[in-house]
Amino acid sequence: MTVEKSLRVCKKGHKYYKSSDCPSCPTCDKENKPKIGFLSKLSSPARNALVYEGIDTLQVLSKYTEKEILKIHGIGPASLPIMRASLEEEGLSFKE
């Protein structure tokens, strides 16, 4: 099965092709990627999903269980070890 990709243009004028409904521009995602912090270690979909939900610090992340985080669209199981390690570095953990 081949998925049809459509040409899109973001607000900044970047052109890109996507097959999903996800509106994020790959060029803008690269430009907006943080240089430091736990968000810089995550993939663009995971990072965008957390920021959209208002989860932009480890302190806020620690208020969620792993199950709650996995329910967020854009977060996959591969992101959990990264988040877990980042929390542990700061003496934090996911909510039980």
Protein backbone atom coordinates (compact mmCIF):
# COMPACT_ATOMS: atom_id res chain seq x y z
CA MET A 1 0.00 0.00 0.00
CA THR A 2 1.44 3.34 -1.05
CA VAL A 3 0.42 6.42 0.86
CA GLU A 4 -0.03 9.59 -1.16
CA LYS A 5 2.06 12.54 0.04
CA SER A 6 0.83 16.06 -0.47
CA LEU A 7 2.84 19.21 -0.90
CA ARG A 8 2.42 21.63 1.98
CA VAL A 9 3.71 25.09 2.80
CA CYS A 10 4.19 26.24 6.39
CA LYS A 11 3.58 29.75 7.74
CA LYS A 12 7.25 30.59 7.14
CA GLY A 13 7.04 29.49 3.50
CA HIS A 14 8.92 26.19 3.80
CA LYS A 15 7.70 23.56 1.32
CA TYR A 16 7.52 19.91 2.36
CA TYR A 17 5.64 16.70 1.61
CA LYS A 18 3.60 14.78 4.20
CA SER A 19 1.28 11.82 4.08
CA SER A 20 -0.20 12.30 7.56
CA ASP A 21 -2.47 14.98 8.99
CA CYS A 22 0.39 16.24 11.15
CA PRO A 23 0.85 19.96 10.41
CA SER A 24 4.44 20.24 11.65
CA CYS A 25 7.04 21.48 9.17
CA PRO A 26 10.30 19.49 9.27
CA THR A 27 12.39 22.61 8.62
CA CYS A 28 10.69 24.58 11.39
CA ASP A 29 11.05 21.59 13.73
CA LYS A 30 14.82 21.59 13.16
CA GLU A 31 15.03 25.36 13.65
CA ASN A 32 13.00 25.20 16.88
CA LYS A 33 14.80 22.22 18.42
CA PRO A 34 16.20 23.19 21.83
CA LYS A 35 19.99 22.99 22.20
CA ILE A 36 19.86 21.78 25.82
CA GLY A 37 17.43 20.08 28.18
CA PHE A 38 15.42 16.90 27.98
CA LEU A 39 13.33 18.12 25.06
CA SER A 40 16.49 18.37 22.93
CA LYS A 41 16.95 14.59 23.29
CA LEU A 42 13.51 13.67 21.96
CA SER A 43 12.24 13.23 18.41
CA SER A 44 10.29 16.09 16.87
CA PRO A 45 6.89 14.35 17.19
CA ALA A 46 7.48 13.55 20.86
CA ARG A 47 8.84 17.01 21.63
CA ASN A 48 5.96 18.75 19.84
CA ALA A 49 3.40 16.56 21.60
CA LEU A 50 4.80 17.34 25.06
CA VAL A 51 5.05 21.08 24.38
CA TYR A 52 1.49 21.09 23.01
CA GLU A 53 0.33 19.51 26.30
CA GLY A 54 2.27 22.11 28.33
CA ILE A 55 4.92 19.61 29.46
CA ASP A 56 8.09 21.60 28.94
CA THR A 57 10.06 20.98 32.13
CA LEU A 58 11.10 17.87 34.02
CA GLN A 59 9.17 19.10 37.05
CA VAL A 60 5.95 19.13 35.02
CA LEU A 61 6.81 15.78 33.38
CA SER A 62 7.24 14.20 36.83
CA LYS A 63 3.56 14.89 37.58
CA TYR A 64 2.51 12.29 34.99
CA THR A 65 2.62 8.50 34.97
CA GLU A 66 4.31 6.67 32.10
CA LYS A 67 0.88 5.42 30.98
CA GLU A 68 -0.47 8.97 30.84
CA ILE A 69 2.51 10.10 28.76
CA LEU A 70 2.11 7.18 26.34
CA LYS A 71 -1.52 8.16 25.74
CA ILE A 72 -0.39 11.48 24.22
CA HIS A 73 -0.46 11.36 20.43
CA GLY A 74 3.11 11.60 19.17
CA ILE A 75 4.73 9.83 22.12
CA GLY A 76 5.98 6.30 21.57
CA PRO A 77 7.65 3.74 23.82
CA ALA A 78 11.11 4.68 22.47
CA SER A 79 10.79 8.08 24.14
CA LEU A 80 10.25 6.68 27.65
CA PRO A 81 13.85 5.62 28.38
CA ILE A 82 15.07 9.09 27.35
CA MET A 83 12.53 10.81 29.58
CA ARG A 84 13.16 8.37 32.45
CA ALA A 85 16.93 8.98 32.30
CA SER A 86 16.46 12.75 32.17
CA LEU A 87 14.18 12.62 35.20
CA GLU A 88 16.64 10.44 37.13
CA GLU A 89 19.52 12.86 36.40
CA GLU A 90 17.53 15.51 38.28
CA GLY A 91 16.46 13.21 41.11
CA LEU A 92 12.91 12.97 39.75
CA SER A 93 10.74 10.17 38.41
CA PHE A 94 7.40 9.58 36.76
CA LYS A 95 4.38 9.65 39.06
CA GLU A 96 3.50 6.18 40.35
